[in-house]
N, C-alpha and C. Protein backbone atom coordinates (compact mmCIF):
# COMPACT_ATOMS: atom_id res chain seq x y z
N MET A 1 46.42 -8.70 46.24
CA MET A 1 47.09 -9.66 44.84
C MET A 1 48.14 -10.37 45.58
N ALA A 2 49.35 -9.20 46.65
CA ALA A 2 50.31 -9.83 46.91
C ALA A 2 49.79 -11.22 48.41
N GLN A 3 48.90 -10.79 48.58
CA GLN A 3 47.94 -11.86 49.54
C GLN A 3 47.22 -13.00 49.15
N TYR A 4 47.10 -12.56 47.73
CA TYR A 4 46.11 -13.93 47.55
C TYR A 4 46.92 -14.90 46.74
N LEU A 5 48.65 -14.37 47.14
CA LEU A 5 50.02 -15.03 46.43
C LEU A 5 50.49 -15.26 47.49
N ILE A 6 50.60 -15.29 48.43
CA ILE A 6 51.11 -15.72 49.79
C ILE A 6 50.29 -16.54 50.00
N ASP A 7 48.69 -16.83 49.86
CA ASP A 7 47.74 -17.71 51.10
C ASP A 7 48.20 -18.39 49.83
N HIS A 8 48.40 -18.73 47.99
CA HIS A 8 49.25 -19.65 47.78
C HIS A 8 50.37 -20.30 47.26
N GLY A 9 50.45 -20.11 48.39
CA GLY A 9 52.44 -21.02 48.89
C GLY A 9 53.94 -19.39 48.33
N ILE A 10 53.15 -18.38 47.92
CA ILE A 10 54.34 -17.99 47.03
C ILE A 10 54.94 -17.02 48.36
N PRO A 11 56.33 -17.49 48.71
CA PRO A 11 57.09 -16.54 49.51
C PRO A 11 57.14 -15.45 49.63
N SER A 12 56.70 -14.55 50.29
CA SER A 12 56.42 -12.89 50.27
C SER A 12 57.51 -12.36 50.04
N ASP A 13 59.23 -13.04 50.45
CA ASP A 13 60.43 -12.85 49.50
C ASP A 13 60.02 -12.70 47.91
N HIS A 14 59.39 -12.82 47.82
CA HIS A 14 59.79 -13.62 45.90
C HIS A 14 58.43 -12.23 45.21
N ILE A 15 57.32 -11.74 46.00
CA ILE A 15 56.69 -10.66 44.99
C ILE A 15 57.38 -9.32 45.20
N VAL A 16 57.06 -8.26 44.61
CA VAL A 16 57.08 -7.84 44.24
C VAL A 16 56.19 -6.50 44.25
N GLU A 17 55.55 -5.66 44.20
CA GLU A 17 54.51 -5.10 44.16
C GLU A 17 54.64 -3.64 43.39
N GLU A 18 53.93 -3.10 42.53
CA GLU A 18 53.71 -2.11 41.65
C GLU A 18 52.71 -1.54 42.29
N GLY A 19 52.26 -0.45 43.05
CA GLY A 19 50.80 0.08 42.83
C GLY A 19 50.65 1.54 43.14
N GLU A 20 51.86 1.96 42.30
CA GLU A 20 51.25 3.10 42.05
C GLU A 20 50.60 3.52 40.16
N SER A 21 50.20 2.48 39.24
CA SER A 21 49.32 2.64 38.50
C SER A 21 48.07 3.32 38.05
N PRO A 22 48.12 4.30 37.34
CA PRO A 22 46.57 4.56 37.11
C PRO A 22 45.84 3.72 35.86
N ASP A 23 45.90 3.17 35.08
CA ASP A 23 45.49 2.48 33.70
C ASP A 23 47.07 1.13 33.93
N THR A 24 46.56 0.65 32.48
CA THR A 24 47.55 -0.88 32.29
C THR A 24 48.36 -0.11 31.59
N MET A 25 48.58 0.73 30.71
CA MET A 25 49.66 0.80 30.07
C MET A 25 50.73 1.80 31.05
N VAL A 26 51.02 2.62 31.90
CA VAL A 26 51.38 2.93 33.48
C VAL A 26 51.79 1.90 33.65
N ASN A 27 50.68 0.57 34.32
CA ASN A 27 51.04 -0.25 35.07
C ASN A 27 52.75 -1.27 34.65
N ILE A 28 52.57 -1.88 33.27
CA ILE A 28 52.95 -2.54 32.09
C ILE A 28 53.94 -1.38 32.45
N VAL A 29 54.84 -0.39 32.24
CA VAL A 29 55.60 0.46 31.77
C VAL A 29 56.37 0.05 33.08
N ASN A 30 55.80 0.82 34.20
CA ASN A 30 56.95 0.68 35.67
C ASN A 30 56.87 -0.61 36.47
N SER A 31 56.39 -1.99 34.92
CA SER A 31 56.37 -3.10 36.34
C SER A 31 57.67 -3.60 35.00
N ARG A 32 57.51 -3.27 34.32
CA ARG A 32 58.83 -3.54 33.09
C ARG A 32 59.99 -2.98 33.65
N ARG A 33 60.26 -1.67 34.25
CA ARG A 33 60.70 -1.40 34.77
C ARG A 33 61.77 -1.63 36.17
N ILE A 34 60.47 -2.39 36.60
CA ILE A 34 61.14 -3.08 38.01
C ILE A 34 61.72 -4.51 37.33
N ILE A 35 61.33 -4.70 36.62
CA ILE A 35 61.58 -6.20 35.67
C ILE A 35 63.14 -6.13 35.91
N ASP A 36 63.42 -5.34 34.23
CA ASP A 36 64.27 -5.07 34.24
C ASP A 36 65.87 -4.84 34.87
N GLN A 37 65.32 -4.27 36.30
CA GLN A 37 66.15 -4.55 37.29
C GLN A 37 67.09 -4.87 38.15
N ARG A 38 65.63 -6.02 38.13
CA ARG A 38 66.14 -7.48 38.92
C ARG A 38 66.81 -8.36 38.02
N GLU A 39 67.46 -9.45 39.07
CA GLU A 39 68.87 -10.35 38.31
C GLU A 39 68.06 -11.65 37.97
N GLY A 40 68.65 -11.58 37.14
CA GLY A 40 68.23 -13.55 36.81
C GLY A 40 67.26 -14.01 35.41
N ARG A 41 66.76 -14.76 35.69
CA ARG A 41 66.41 -15.15 34.54
C ARG A 41 64.99 -14.44 34.43
N LYS A 42 64.11 -13.62 32.90
CA LYS A 42 62.64 -12.84 33.15
C LYS A 42 61.33 -13.62 32.40
N ARG A 43 61.00 -14.98 33.19
CA ARG A 43 59.82 -14.70 32.54
C ARG A 43 58.76 -14.40 33.27
N VAL A 44 57.71 -13.41 31.88
CA VAL A 44 57.07 -12.85 32.81
C VAL A 44 55.47 -13.29 31.78
N ALA A 45 54.76 -13.74 33.43
CA ALA A 45 52.89 -13.97 32.76
C ALA A 45 52.22 -12.37 33.19
N LEU A 46 51.99 -12.04 31.96
CA LEU A 46 50.59 -11.18 32.45
C LEU A 46 49.08 -11.61 32.27
N ILE A 47 48.70 -11.63 33.38
CA ILE A 47 47.70 -11.70 34.10
C ILE A 47 46.36 -11.06 34.29
N SER A 48 45.64 -11.02 33.81
CA SER A 48 44.37 -9.82 33.66
C SER A 48 42.99 -11.03 33.16
N SER A 49 41.94 -9.59 32.90
CA SER A 49 40.62 -11.08 32.95
C SER A 49 40.45 -10.60 31.90
N ASN A 50 40.19 -12.44 31.29
CA ASN A 50 39.93 -12.89 30.04
C ASN A 50 39.60 -12.33 29.24
N TYR A 51 38.88 -11.45 29.40
CA TYR A 51 37.72 -10.34 28.34
C TYR A 51 39.19 -9.38 28.05
N HIS A 52 40.47 -8.53 28.75
CA HIS A 52 41.07 -7.81 29.13
C HIS A 52 42.69 -8.09 28.18
N VAL A 53 42.81 -9.91 28.48
CA VAL A 53 43.98 -10.26 27.91
C VAL A 53 44.76 -9.18 26.67
N TYR A 54 44.34 -9.67 25.67
CA TYR A 54 44.49 -8.41 24.37
C TYR A 54 44.78 -7.67 24.27
N ARG A 55 44.20 -6.98 24.54
CA ARG A 55 44.68 -5.53 25.20
C ARG A 55 45.87 -5.24 25.62
N CYS A 56 45.99 -5.53 26.75
CA CYS A 56 47.23 -6.56 27.95
C CYS A 56 48.42 -6.18 27.15
N LEU A 57 48.50 -7.30 26.08
CA LEU A 57 49.02 -7.85 25.33
C LEU A 57 49.83 -7.10 24.13
N LEU A 58 48.30 -6.15 24.03
CA LEU A 58 49.10 -5.43 23.52
C LEU A 58 50.36 -4.38 23.32
N ASP A 59 49.46 -3.30 24.83
CA ASP A 59 50.03 -2.70 25.38
C ASP A 59 51.74 -3.38 25.65
N ALA A 60 51.62 -4.42 26.11
CA ALA A 60 52.86 -4.90 26.77
C ALA A 60 53.41 -4.51 24.81
N ARG A 61 53.25 -4.86 24.47
CA ARG A 61 54.13 -5.00 22.90
C ARG A 61 54.46 -3.80 22.53
N LYS A 62 53.49 -2.83 23.28
CA LYS A 62 54.08 -1.09 22.41
C LYS A 62 55.47 -0.82 23.55
N ALA A 63 55.38 -1.90 24.96
CA ALA A 63 56.28 -0.90 25.75
C ALA A 63 57.36 -1.22 25.65
N GLY A 64 57.75 -2.62 24.42
CA GLY A 64 58.91 -3.68 25.03
C GLY A 64 58.62 -4.71 25.28
N LEU A 65 58.08 -5.56 26.59
CA LEU A 65 57.28 -6.19 26.79
C LEU A 65 57.79 -7.48 26.93
N LYS A 66 57.91 -8.77 26.53
CA LYS A 66 57.87 -10.10 26.87
C LYS A 66 56.63 -10.46 26.82
N CYS A 67 55.91 -11.19 27.05
CA CYS A 67 54.75 -11.91 28.32
C CYS A 67 54.19 -12.76 27.01
N THR A 68 53.35 -13.28 27.84
CA THR A 68 52.56 -14.98 28.11
C THR A 68 51.34 -14.34 28.64
N GLY A 69 50.06 -14.28 28.16
CA GLY A 69 49.23 -13.21 28.62
C GLY A 69 48.06 -14.98 29.17
N ILE A 70 47.58 -14.68 30.29
CA ILE A 70 46.92 -15.36 30.88
C ILE A 70 45.67 -14.88 31.65
N GLY A 71 44.41 -15.52 31.09
CA GLY A 71 43.22 -14.55 31.55
C GLY A 71 42.20 -15.75 32.96
N ALA A 72 41.82 -13.89 33.20
CA ALA A 72 41.77 -14.81 34.60
C ALA A 72 39.88 -15.12 33.95
N HIS A 73 39.17 -15.61 35.09
CA HIS A 73 37.59 -15.87 34.78
C HIS A 73 37.04 -14.56 35.02
N VAL A 74 36.25 -14.24 34.26
CA VAL A 74 35.18 -13.46 34.76
C VAL A 74 33.77 -13.86 34.64
N ALA A 75 32.78 -13.13 35.92
CA ALA A 75 31.59 -14.03 35.71
C ALA A 75 30.66 -14.11 34.40
N PRO A 76 29.85 -14.11 34.06
CA PRO A 76 28.88 -14.56 32.35
C PRO A 76 28.49 -13.13 32.34
N TYR A 77 28.35 -12.79 33.40
CA TYR A 77 26.85 -12.13 33.28
C TYR A 77 27.71 -10.32 32.91
N TYR A 78 28.91 -10.62 33.51
CA TYR A 78 29.42 -9.15 33.23
C TYR A 78 30.31 -8.93 31.74
N TRP A 79 30.37 -10.14 30.90
CA TRP A 79 31.01 -10.11 29.27
C TRP A 79 30.35 -9.68 28.14
N PRO A 80 28.84 -9.22 28.25
CA PRO A 80 28.68 -8.08 27.20
C PRO A 80 28.97 -6.91 27.57
N SER A 81 28.68 -6.19 28.43
CA SER A 81 29.46 -4.87 29.10
C SER A 81 31.45 -4.95 28.50
N ALA A 82 31.76 -5.71 29.16
CA ALA A 82 33.65 -6.07 29.20
C ALA A 82 33.63 -5.92 27.53
N VAL A 83 32.87 -6.95 27.00
CA VAL A 83 33.33 -7.02 25.74
C VAL A 83 33.34 -6.22 24.67
N ILE A 84 32.41 -4.99 25.04
CA ILE A 84 32.19 -3.78 24.49
C ILE A 84 32.67 -3.27 24.67
N ARG A 85 33.00 -2.80 25.95
CA ARG A 85 33.91 -2.41 25.49
C ARG A 85 35.48 -2.21 25.90
N GLU A 86 35.45 -3.16 25.52
CA GLU A 86 37.51 -4.14 25.16
C GLU A 86 37.42 -3.66 23.41
N PHE A 87 36.00 -3.59 22.64
CA PHE A 87 36.00 -3.51 21.47
C PHE A 87 36.33 -2.39 21.02
N ILE A 88 35.77 -1.13 21.64
CA ILE A 88 36.05 -0.19 20.99
C ILE A 88 37.34 0.26 21.62
N ALA A 89 37.60 0.10 23.01
CA ALA A 89 38.85 0.30 23.25
C ALA A 89 40.25 -0.41 22.40
N VAL A 90 39.69 -1.59 21.16
CA VAL A 90 40.57 -1.74 20.71
C VAL A 90 40.65 -0.60 19.33
N PHE A 91 39.32 -1.44 18.58
CA PHE A 91 38.83 -0.21 17.25
C PHE A 91 39.29 0.50 17.43
N THR A 92 39.31 1.97 18.40
CA THR A 92 39.55 3.89 18.79
C THR A 92 41.13 3.70 18.43
N ARG A 93 42.03 3.25 18.08
CA ARG A 93 43.31 3.25 17.97
C ARG A 93 43.75 3.51 16.68
N PRO A 94 44.36 3.96 15.94
CA PRO A 94 44.65 4.46 14.66
C PRO A 94 44.58 3.44 14.26
N VAL A 95 45.92 2.27 14.63
CA VAL A 95 46.09 1.51 12.80
C VAL A 95 44.47 0.27 12.40
N TYR A 96 43.70 -0.47 14.46
CA TYR A 96 43.21 -1.34 14.30
C TYR A 96 41.39 0.50 13.47
N LEU A 97 41.37 0.78 13.91
CA LEU A 97 40.46 1.69 12.99
C LEU A 97 39.97 1.81 11.59
N ALA A 98 41.89 2.31 10.68
CA ALA A 98 42.07 1.78 9.84
C ALA A 98 41.50 0.58 9.88
N LEU A 99 42.44 -0.46 10.11
CA LEU A 99 42.00 -1.75 9.34
C LEU A 99 40.78 -1.87 9.49
N PHE A 100 39.94 -1.46 10.88
CA PHE A 100 38.66 -1.70 10.08
C PHE A 100 37.93 -1.02 9.85
N ILE A 101 38.41 0.16 9.06
CA ILE A 101 37.66 0.49 8.02
C ILE A 101 37.68 -0.03 6.21
N VAL A 102 39.16 -0.56 6.46
CA VAL A 102 39.65 -0.99 4.91
C VAL A 102 39.27 -2.08 4.80
N CYS A 103 38.62 -2.72 5.74
CA CYS A 103 38.34 -4.99 5.50
C CYS A 103 37.52 -4.67 6.25
N TRP A 104 37.13 -4.43 6.96
CA TRP A 104 35.36 -4.80 7.42
C TRP A 104 33.69 -4.35 7.20
N LEU A 105 34.46 -2.42 6.54
CA LEU A 105 33.15 -1.81 6.09
C LEU A 105 32.99 -3.24 4.96
N PRO A 106 34.03 -2.57 3.70
CA PRO A 106 32.98 -2.75 2.96
C PRO A 106 32.36 -5.23 3.16
N CYS A 107 33.27 -4.74 3.08
CA CYS A 107 32.14 -6.72 3.67
C CYS A 107 30.38 -6.45 4.66
N LEU A 108 30.81 -5.45 5.22
CA LEU A 108 28.99 -5.84 5.13
C LEU A 108 28.01 -4.75 4.57
N LEU A 109 28.98 -4.36 3.99
CA LEU A 109 28.07 -3.38 3.40
C LEU A 109 27.79 -4.12 2.31
N LEU A 110 28.56 -4.64 1.81
CA LEU A 110 28.17 -5.59 1.09
C LEU A 110 27.10 -6.62 1.15
N VAL A 111 27.28 -7.65 2.62
CA VAL A 111 26.20 -8.17 3.05
C VAL A 111 24.93 -7.09 3.18
N LEU A 112 24.86 -6.44 3.57
CA LEU A 112 23.30 -5.08 3.70
C LEU A 112 23.21 -5.18 2.28
N ALA A 113 24.04 -4.69 1.51
CA ALA A 113 23.19 -4.23 0.17
C ALA A 113 22.52 -5.42 -0.44
């Protein structure tokens, strides 16, 4: 990613890499630590695959990182499996699972009845 930014005109001394994270949440926590240590105005954009931005923003909120989400294009053939994976990842979180059960399940049962 750093090389991509350099190739597109961003000076290398403006790039701070975070390369120790095994997953999104750890990346956000580590990135927030880096951001908090830097001086000046702090405007943050979280960039991820377009299907993954919502879950990234949930993690950012949980970590106390104020940011804007930007979704990168994903090939259409990848969408079905990616969206299913994200749906499961979001709705297995306790709060969303409870909302799903309380709100959507009764509606689904009404439609099927």
